[in-house]
Amino acid sequence: MGIDSLGDVAGNIEDDTAYRAFVWSPLGQTTLLKPTYPYLMPFGPRGCGASAMSSHGYVVGNCQPDLDNYIAEWAPGATDTLRTTCCNGIDGNALAVTDNQYLTGYVRNFNPPQAFLWRPGQPTYDIIGYYGGMPEVSIGLAVNSSGWVAGWGLIGPTLVDTVAVVWIGSNGGQTGLSHYGQATGIDDKFNARPPGSIYTGGESAAVAINSVHQILGSAIDKNAVKHTVIWTSF
């Protein structure tokens, strides 16, 4: 899920027949994003999902027309994909986008899945998930407007624990931030942050924040029902 500076929220709906990416506005309007795909027997529903949204309304995620997931992006105010790579065979998921259209996430065209950086105006992505010159299992979770990516990788001799990582966009260098864990955000001052949660009585977790400090996340109510929520600071 993601939230922009107007309070619009991007996410996805899953039911027994299809997956649909959507944008919800604070006025209560829900816009379903295209494309759509038919139910695929015997595997189940196909469709698109939104993973993140920039402050100015770019939405990214993936589409699943068949058995693979393909990187997708929607422009602000658009209902159809601006960048869908189903025909180019780029199997993966976009998990973060900036207003100047840096994208990150992971691709699975190779073994193992690797973090990528898609630069503004470029026809394809660059693989950044390398350690010691070799492909590593890695995921890009956040990107800033200079192309620095925060996320995690499996680094070291055991390849068991995830290491919080920042990839430097200008030269592709990699910096480990911890011996385990993951970095889920990076700002334009190059500050990276770990996962964040807010606890206000019940179990809750924050997944995104916009430029006016609205926080998107989830909370479990007293009846053990999980809800998508927005916290607003005053």
C-alpha atoms as a PDB file:
ATOM      1  CA  MET A   1       0.000   0.000   0.000  1.00  0.00           C
ATOM      2  CA  GLY A   2       1.029   3.625  -0.476  1.00  0.00           C
ATOM      3  CA  ILE A   3      -0.283   7.136   0.223  1.00  0.00           C
ATOM      4  CA  ASP A   4       0.296  10.453  -1.596  1.00  0.00           C
ATOM      5  CA  SER A   5       0.342  14.046  -0.340  1.00  0.00           C
ATOM      6  CA  LEU A   6      -3.414  14.446  -0.973  1.00  0.00           C
ATOM      7  CA  GLY A   7      -4.261  11.447   1.161  1.00  0.00           C
ATOM      8  CA  ASP A   8      -5.024   9.174  -1.800  1.00  0.00           C
ATOM      9  CA  VAL A   9      -4.280   5.529  -1.033  1.00  0.00           C
ATOM     10  CA  ALA A  10      -3.152   2.852  -3.503  1.00  0.00           C
ATOM     11  CA  GLY A  11      -3.621  -0.853  -2.864  1.00  0.00           C
ATOM     12  CA  ASN A  12      -5.209  -3.950  -4.294  1.00  0.00           C
ATOM     13  CA  ILE A  13      -8.433  -5.919  -4.024  1.00  0.00           C
ATOM     14  CA  GLU A  14      -8.355  -9.707  -4.131  1.00  0.00           C
ATOM     15  CA  ASP A  15     -11.388 -11.927  -4.472  1.00  0.00           C
ATOM     16  CA  ASP A  16     -12.312 -15.281  -5.952  1.00  0.00           C
ATOM     17  CA  THR A  17     -12.422 -14.004  -9.546  1.00  0.00           C
ATOM     18  CA  ALA A  18      -9.755 -11.309 -10.013  1.00  0.00           C
ATOM     19  CA  TYR A  19      -7.050  -9.071  -8.534  1.00  0.00           C
ATOM     20  CA  ARG A  20      -7.491  -5.315  -9.072  1.00  0.00           C
ATOM     21  CA  ALA A  21      -5.186  -2.426  -8.262  1.00  0.00           C
ATOM     22  CA  PHE A  22      -7.033   0.651  -7.007  1.00  0.00           C
ATOM     23  CA  VAL A  23      -6.677   4.233  -5.801  1.00  0.00           C
ATOM     24  CA  TRP A  24      -8.966   5.427  -2.991  1.00  0.00           C
ATOM     25  CA  SER A  25      -9.500   9.157  -2.352  1.00  0.00           C
ATOM     26  CA  PRO A  26     -10.361  10.791   1.008  1.00  0.00           C
ATOM     27  CA  LEU A  27     -13.741  11.710  -0.532  1.00  0.00           C
ATOM     28  CA  GLY A  28     -14.565   8.015  -0.580  1.00  0.00           C
ATOM     29  CA  GLN A  29     -14.143   7.413  -4.319  1.00  0.00           C
ATOM     30  CA  THR A  30     -12.393   4.207  -5.413  1.00  0.00           C
ATOM     31  CA  THR A  31     -10.830   4.036  -8.893  1.00  0.00           C
ATOM     32  CA  LEU A  32      -9.974   0.579 -10.256  1.00  0.00           C
ATOM     33  CA  LEU A  33      -6.793   0.494 -12.329  1.00  0.00           C
ATOM     34  CA  LYS A  34      -6.283  -1.410 -15.574  1.00  0.00           C
ATOM     35  CA  PRO A  35      -5.378  -3.806 -17.141  1.00  0.00           C
ATOM     36  CA  THR A  36      -7.536  -6.762 -16.192  1.00  0.00           C
ATOM     37  CA  TYR A  37      -7.004 -10.427 -17.017  1.00  0.00           C
ATOM     38  CA  PRO A  38      -9.355 -13.411 -17.239  1.00  0.00           C
ATOM     39  CA  TYR A  39      -9.490 -16.153 -14.643  1.00  0.00           C
ATOM     40  CA  LEU A  40      -6.802 -18.739 -15.454  1.00  0.00           C
ATOM     41  CA  MET A  41      -7.851 -22.342 -15.022  1.00  0.00           C
ATOM     42  CA  PRO A  42      -6.834 -24.276 -12.992  1.00  0.00           C
ATOM     43  CA  PHE A  43      -4.600 -21.743 -11.224  1.00  0.00           C
ATOM     44  CA  GLY A  44      -7.108 -19.108 -10.160  1.00  0.00           C
ATOM     45  CA  PRO A  45      -7.720 -15.347 -10.511  1.00  0.00           C
ATOM     46  CA  ARG A  46      -5.279 -13.057 -12.358  1.00  0.00           C
ATOM     47  CA  GLY A  47      -4.886  -9.273 -12.235  1.00  0.00           C
ATOM     48  CA  CYS A  48      -2.828  -6.367 -10.902  1.00  0.00           C
ATOM     49  CA  GLY A  49      -1.835  -5.107  -7.474  1.00  0.00           C
ATOM     50  CA  ALA A  50      -0.469  -1.765  -6.241  1.00  0.00           C
ATOM     51  CA  SER A  51       2.466  -1.821  -3.817  1.00  0.00           C
ATOM     52  CA  ALA A  52       3.400   1.862  -3.428  1.00  0.00           C
ATOM     53  CA  MET A  53       2.439   5.427  -4.340  1.00  0.00           C
ATOM     54  CA  SER A  54       4.581   8.563  -4.598  1.00  0.00           C
ATOM     55  CA  SER A  55       3.670  11.915  -3.080  1.00  0.00           C
ATOM     56  CA  HIS A  56       2.476  13.164  -6.483  1.00  0.00           C
ATOM     57  CA  GLY A  57       0.423  10.106  -7.365  1.00  0.00           C
ATOM     58  CA  TYR A  58       2.640   7.681  -9.296  1.00  0.00           C
ATOM     59  CA  VAL A  59       1.521   4.134  -8.468  1.00  0.00           C
ATOM     60  CA  VAL A  60       3.652   1.013  -8.884  1.00  0.00           C
ATOM     61  CA  GLY A  61       3.160  -2.684  -8.364  1.00  0.00           C
ATOM     62  CA  ASN A  62       2.766  -5.694 -10.577  1.00  0.00           C
ATOM     63  CA  CYS A  63       0.396  -7.400 -12.999  1.00  0.00           C
ATOM     64  CA  GLN A  64      -0.172 -11.132 -13.297  1.00  0.00           C
ATOM     65  CA  PRO A  65      -1.648 -12.071 -16.676  1.00  0.00           C
ATOM     66  CA  ASP A  66      -0.349 -15.649 -16.363  1.00  0.00           C
ATOM     67  CA  LEU A  67       1.778 -17.481 -13.797  1.00  0.00           C
ATOM     68  CA  ASP A  68       4.381 -14.703 -13.473  1.00  0.00           C
ATOM     69  CA  ASN A  69       4.244 -11.218 -11.952  1.00  0.00           C
ATOM     70  CA  TYR A  70       5.341  -8.324 -14.172  1.00  0.00           C
ATOM     71  CA  ILE A  71       6.429  -4.832 -13.115  1.00  0.00           C
ATOM     72  CA  ALA A  72       3.747  -2.163 -13.632  1.00  0.00           C
ATOM     73  CA  GLU A  73       3.426   1.602 -13.136  1.00  0.00           C
ATOM     74  CA  TRP A  74       0.447   3.957 -13.380  1.00  0.00           C
ATOM     75  CA  ALA A  75       0.761   7.715 -13.995  1.00  0.00           C
ATOM     76  CA  PRO A  76      -0.967  10.232 -11.685  1.00  0.00           C
ATOM     77  CA  GLY A  77      -4.672  10.327 -12.503  1.00  0.00           C
ATOM     78  CA  ALA A  78      -4.407   7.508 -15.064  1.00  0.00           C
ATOM     79  CA  THR A  79      -6.419   4.323 -14.937  1.00  0.00           C
ATOM     80  CA  ASP A  80      -4.310   2.304 -17.384  1.00  0.00           C
ATOM     81  CA  THR A  81      -0.673   1.304 -17.012  1.00  0.00           C
ATOM     82  CA  LEU A  82       2.007   3.764 -18.075  1.00  0.00           C
ATOM     83  CA  ARG A  83       4.719   1.146 -17.854  1.00  0.00           C
ATOM     84  CA  THR A  84       3.746  -2.493 -17.966  1.00  0.00           C
ATOM     85  CA  THR A  85       6.488  -4.867 -18.986  1.00  0.00           C
ATOM     86  CA  CYS A  86       4.520  -8.043 -19.542  1.00  0.00           C
ATOM     87  CA  CYS A  87       5.620  -8.185 -23.174  1.00  0.00           C
ATOM     88  CA  ASN A  88       9.286  -7.683 -22.313  1.00  0.00           C
ATOM     89  CA  GLY A  89       9.301 -10.641 -19.940  1.00  0.00           C
ATOM     90  CA  ILE A  90      10.421  -8.748 -16.822  1.00  0.00           C
ATOM     91  CA  ASP A  91       9.173 -10.953 -14.015  1.00  0.00           C
ATOM     92  CA  GLY A  92       9.143  -9.070 -10.709  1.00  0.00           C
ATOM     93  CA  ASN A  93       7.458  -6.440  -8.583  1.00  0.00           C
ATOM     94  CA  ALA A  94       7.908  -2.677  -8.142  1.00  0.00           C
ATOM     95  CA  LEU A  95       7.759  -1.786  -4.440  1.00  0.00           C
ATOM     96  CA  ALA A  96       8.654   1.930  -4.390  1.00  0.00           C
ATOM     97  CA  VAL A  97       8.544   4.965  -6.695  1.00  0.00           C
ATOM     98  CA  THR A  98       9.582   8.621  -6.460  1.00  0.00           C
ATOM     99  CA  ASP A  99       7.939  11.680  -7.985  1.00  0.00           C
ATOM    100  CA  ASN A 100      10.762  11.847 -10.557  1.00  0.00           C
ATOM    101  CA  GLN A 101      10.124   8.162 -11.427  1.00  0.00           C
ATOM    102  CA  TYR A 102      12.914   6.173  -9.883  1.00  0.00           C
ATOM    103  CA  LEU A 103      11.539   2.668  -9.283  1.00  0.00           C
ATOM    104  CA  THR A 104      12.845  -0.191  -7.181  1.00  0.00           C
ATOM    105  CA  GLY A 105      11.717  -3.636  -6.087  1.00  0.00           C
ATOM    106  CA  TYR A 106      12.926  -7.000  -7.324  1.00  0.00           C
ATOM    107  CA  VAL A 107      13.167  -8.985 -10.551  1.00  0.00           C
ATOM    108  CA  ARG A 108      13.093 -12.750 -10.942  1.00  0.00           C
ATOM    109  CA  ASN A 109      14.413 -13.171 -14.479  1.00  0.00           C
ATOM    110  CA  PHE A 110      17.531 -14.592 -12.915  1.00  0.00           C
ATOM    111  CA  ASN A 111      18.216 -16.888  -9.986  1.00  0.00           C
ATOM    112  CA  PRO A 112      18.142 -15.571  -7.270  1.00  0.00           C
ATOM    113  CA  PRO A 113      15.587 -12.698  -7.105  1.00  0.00           C
ATOM    114  CA  GLN A 114      17.530  -9.427  -7.147  1.00  0.00           C
ATOM    115  CA  ALA A 115      16.933  -5.762  -6.281  1.00  0.00           C
ATOM    116  CA  PHE A 116      16.674  -3.413  -9.255  1.00  0.00           C
ATOM    117  CA  LEU A 117      16.783   0.322  -9.944  1.00  0.00           C
ATOM    118  CA  TRP A 118      14.769   1.725 -12.855  1.00  0.00           C
ATOM    119  CA  ARG A 119      16.031   5.211 -13.670  1.00  0.00           C
ATOM    120  CA  PRO A 120      13.805   8.022 -15.036  1.00  0.00           C
ATOM    121  CA  GLY A 121      13.399   7.942 -18.803  1.00  0.00           C
ATOM    122  CA  GLN A 122      15.234   4.640 -19.261  1.00  0.00           C
ATOM    123  CA  PRO A 123      13.744   1.752 -21.287  1.00  0.00           C
ATOM    124  CA  THR A 124      14.665  -0.895 -18.699  1.00  0.00           C
ATOM    125  CA  TYR A 125      16.150  -1.461 -15.252  1.00  0.00           C
ATOM    126  CA  ASP A 126      19.613  -1.980 -13.766  1.00  0.00           C
ATOM    127  CA  ILE A 127      20.288  -4.919 -11.448  1.00  0.00           C
ATOM    128  CA  ILE A 128      21.820  -3.633  -8.189  1.00  0.00           C
ATOM    129  CA  GLY A 129      21.552  -6.783  -6.079  1.00  0.00           C
ATOM    130  CA  TYR A 130      25.158  -7.933  -6.173  1.00  0.00           C
ATOM    131  CA  TYR A 131      27.558  -8.763  -3.360  1.00  0.00           C
ATOM    132  CA  GLY A 132      31.230  -9.363  -4.081  1.00  0.00           C
ATOM    133  CA  GLY A 133      30.422  -9.315  -7.791  1.00  0.00           C
ATOM    134  CA  MET A 134      27.950 -12.180  -7.473  1.00  0.00           C
ATOM    135  CA  PRO A 135      24.121 -12.108  -7.612  1.00  0.00           C
ATOM    136  CA  GLU A 136      22.501 -12.031  -4.168  1.00  0.00           C
ATOM    137  CA  VAL A 137      18.985 -12.611  -2.926  1.00  0.00           C
ATOM    138  CA  SER A 138      17.864  -9.018  -2.397  1.00  0.00           C
ATOM    139  CA  ILE A 139      14.839  -6.717  -2.383  1.00  0.00           C
ATOM    140  CA  GLY A 140      14.654  -2.934  -2.879  1.00  0.00           C
ATOM    141  CA  LEU A 141      11.996  -1.521  -0.538  1.00  0.00           C
ATOM    142  CA  ALA A 142      12.452   2.253  -0.888  1.00  0.00           C
ATOM    143  CA  VAL A 143      14.143   4.753  -3.204  1.00  0.00           C
ATOM    144  CA  ASN A 144      14.852   8.481  -3.027  1.00  0.00           C
ATOM    145  CA  SER A 145      14.905  11.125  -5.774  1.00  0.00           C
ATOM    146  CA  SER A 146      18.655  10.624  -6.310  1.00  0.00           C
ATOM    147  CA  GLY A 147      18.282   6.905  -6.954  1.00  0.00           C
ATOM    148  CA  TRP A 148      19.584   5.612  -3.609  1.00  0.00           C
ATOM    149  CA  VAL A 149      17.792   2.373  -2.717  1.00  0.00           C
ATOM    150  CA  ALA A 150      17.109   0.906   0.741  1.00  0.00           C
ATOM    151  CA  GLY A 151      16.168  -2.713   1.310  1.00  0.00           C
ATOM    152  CA  TRP A 152      17.742  -5.996   2.295  1.00  0.00           C
ATOM    153  CA  GLY A 153      19.999  -8.734   1.012  1.00  0.00           C
ATOM    154  CA  LEU A 154      21.277 -12.146   2.065  1.00  0.00           C
ATOM    155  CA  ILE A 155      24.946 -11.382   2.589  1.00  0.00           C
ATOM    156  CA  GLY A 156      27.734 -13.461   4.061  1.00  0.00           C
ATOM    157  CA  PRO A 157      28.791 -17.092   4.211  1.00  0.00           C
ATOM    158  CA  THR A 158      25.552 -18.499   5.692  1.00  0.00           C
ATOM    159  CA  LEU A 159      23.045 -16.633   3.476  1.00  0.00           C
ATOM    160  CA  VAL A 160      20.421 -17.094   6.194  1.00  0.00           C
ATOM    161  CA  ASP A 161      19.827 -13.713   7.843  1.00  0.00           C
ATOM    162  CA  THR A 162      18.675 -10.645   5.913  1.00  0.00           C
ATOM    163  CA  VAL A 163      20.990  -7.633   6.170  1.00  0.00           C
ATOM    164  CA  ALA A 164      19.659  -4.050   5.985  1.00  0.00           C
ATOM    165  CA  VAL A 165      21.279  -2.500   2.917  1.00  0.00           C
ATOM    166  CA  VAL A 166      21.546   0.814   1.055  1.00  0.00           C
ATOM    167  CA  TRP A 167      22.570   0.794  -2.584  1.00  0.00           C
ATOM    168  CA  ILE A 168      24.168   4.046  -3.770  1.00  0.00           C
ATOM    169  CA  GLY A 169      22.457   5.020  -7.011  1.00  0.00           C
ATOM    170  CA  SER A 170      25.330   7.009  -8.505  1.00  0.00           C
ATOM    171  CA  ASN A 171      27.806   4.115  -8.620  1.00  0.00           C
ATOM    172  CA  GLY A 172      25.904   1.008  -7.575  1.00  0.00           C
ATOM    173  CA  GLY A 173      27.887   0.594  -4.358  1.00  0.00           C
ATOM    174  CA  GLN A 174      26.350  -1.343  -1.480  1.00  0.00           C
ATOM    175  CA  THR A 175      26.490  -0.494   2.213  1.00  0.00           C
ATOM    176  CA  GLY A 176      25.266  -2.800   4.992  1.00  0.00           C
ATOM    177  CA  LEU A 177      23.452  -1.028   7.831  1.00  0.00           C
ATOM    178  CA  SER A 178      23.053  -3.928  10.255  1.00  0.00           C
ATOM    179  CA  HIS A 179      23.981  -7.561  10.751  1.00  0.00           C
ATOM    180  CA  TYR A 180      20.345  -8.522  10.224  1.00  0.00           C
ATOM    181  CA  GLY A 181      17.035  -6.870   9.396  1.00  0.00           C
ATOM    182  CA  GLN A 182      15.921  -4.620   6.544  1.00  0.00           C
ATOM    183  CA  ALA A 183      15.838  -0.920   5.642  1.00  0.00           C
ATOM    184  CA  THR A 184      12.330   0.151   4.646  1.00  0.00           C
ATOM    185  CA  GLY A 185      12.794   3.847   3.849  1.00  0.00           C
ATOM    186  CA  ILE A 186      15.306   6.418   2.647  1.00  0.00           C
ATOM    187  CA  ASP A 187      14.830  10.170   2.380  1.00  0.00           C
ATOM    188  CA  ASP A 188      16.437  12.795   0.143  1.00  0.00           C
ATOM    189  CA  LYS A 189      18.986  13.572   2.867  1.00  0.00           C
ATOM    190  CA  PHE A 190      20.155   9.953   2.530  1.00  0.00           C
ATOM    191  CA  ASN A 191      18.822   8.858   5.907  1.00  0.00           C
ATOM    192  CA  ALA A 192      17.662   5.238   5.885  1.00  0.00           C
ATOM    193  CA  ARG A 193      15.189   3.865   8.427  1.00  0.00           C
ATOM    194  CA  PRO A 194      14.145   0.449   9.756  1.00  0.00           C
ATOM    195  CA  PRO A 195      10.539  -0.758   9.851  1.00  0.00           C
ATOM    196  CA  GLY A 196       8.248   1.401  11.985  1.00  0.00           C
ATOM    197  CA  SER A 197       5.156   0.600  14.002  1.00  0.00           C
ATOM    198  CA  ILE A 198       2.692   2.640  16.020  1.00  0.00           C
ATOM    199  CA  TYR A 199       0.973   1.124  19.013  1.00  0.00           C
ATOM    200  CA  THR A 200      -2.186   2.795  20.285  1.00  0.00           C
ATOM    201  CA  GLY A 201      -3.858   0.083  22.318  1.00  0.00           C
ATOM    202  CA  GLY A 202      -4.393  -2.682  19.751  1.00  0.00           C
ATOM    203  CA  GLU A 203      -1.851  -4.236  17.433  1.00  0.00           C
ATOM    204  CA  SER A 204      -0.973  -1.851  14.587  1.00  0.00           C
ATOM    205  CA  ALA A 205       1.756  -1.223  12.046  1.00  0.00           C
ATOM    206  CA  ALA A 206       2.767   1.653   9.765  1.00  0.00           C
ATOM    207  CA  VAL A 207       3.705   0.918   6.152  1.00  0.00           C
ATOM    208  CA  ALA A 208       3.943   4.359   4.473  1.00  0.00           C
ATOM    209  CA  ILE A 209       3.990   8.095   5.185  1.00  0.00           C
ATOM    210  CA  ASN A 210       3.390  11.081   2.895  1.00  0.00           C
ATOM    211  CA  SER A 211       4.805  14.609   2.822  1.00  0.00           C
ATOM    212  CA  VAL A 212       2.066  16.002   5.102  1.00  0.00           C
ATOM    213  CA  HIS A 213       2.702  13.334   7.763  1.00  0.00           C
ATOM    214  CA  GLN A 214      -0.324  11.145   7.145  1.00  0.00           C
ATOM    215  CA  ILE A 215       0.613   7.572   8.045  1.00  0.00           C
ATOM    216  CA  LEU A 216      -0.856   4.566   6.275  1.00  0.00           C
ATOM    217  CA  GLY A 217      -0.965   1.219   8.000  1.00  0.00           C
ATOM    218  CA  SER A 218      -3.145  -1.408   9.577  1.00  0.00           C
ATOM    219  CA  ALA A 219      -4.717  -2.028  12.976  1.00  0.00           C
ATOM    220  CA  ILE A 220      -6.564  -4.880  14.629  1.00  0.00           C
ATOM    221  CA  ASP A 221      -9.688  -3.891  16.531  1.00  0.00           C
ATOM    222  CA  LYS A 222     -11.130  -5.383  19.720  1.00  0.00           C
ATOM    223  CA  ASN A 223     -12.993  -7.974  17.650  1.00  0.00           C
ATOM    224  CA  ALA A 224      -9.707  -9.201  16.084  1.00  0.00           C
ATOM    225  CA  VAL A 225     -10.638  -7.693  12.677  1.00  0.00           C
ATOM    226  CA  LYS A 226      -7.768  -6.146  10.721  1.00  0.00           C
ATOM    227  CA  HIS A 227      -8.435  -2.736   9.100  1.00  0.00           C
ATOM    228  CA  THR A 228      -6.515  -0.406   6.776  1.00  0.00           C
ATOM    229  CA  VAL A 229      -6.140   2.914   8.614  1.00  0.00           C
ATOM    230  CA  ILE A 230      -4.693   6.410   8.170  1.00  0.00           C
ATOM    231  CA  TRP A 231      -3.241   8.281  11.146  1.00  0.00           C
ATOM    232  CA  THR A 232      -3.075  12.069  10.913  1.00  0.00           C
ATOM    233  CA  SER A 233      -0.802  14.200  13.072  1.00  0.00           C
ATOM    234  CA  PHE A 234      -2.111  17.493  14.448  1.00  0.00           C
END
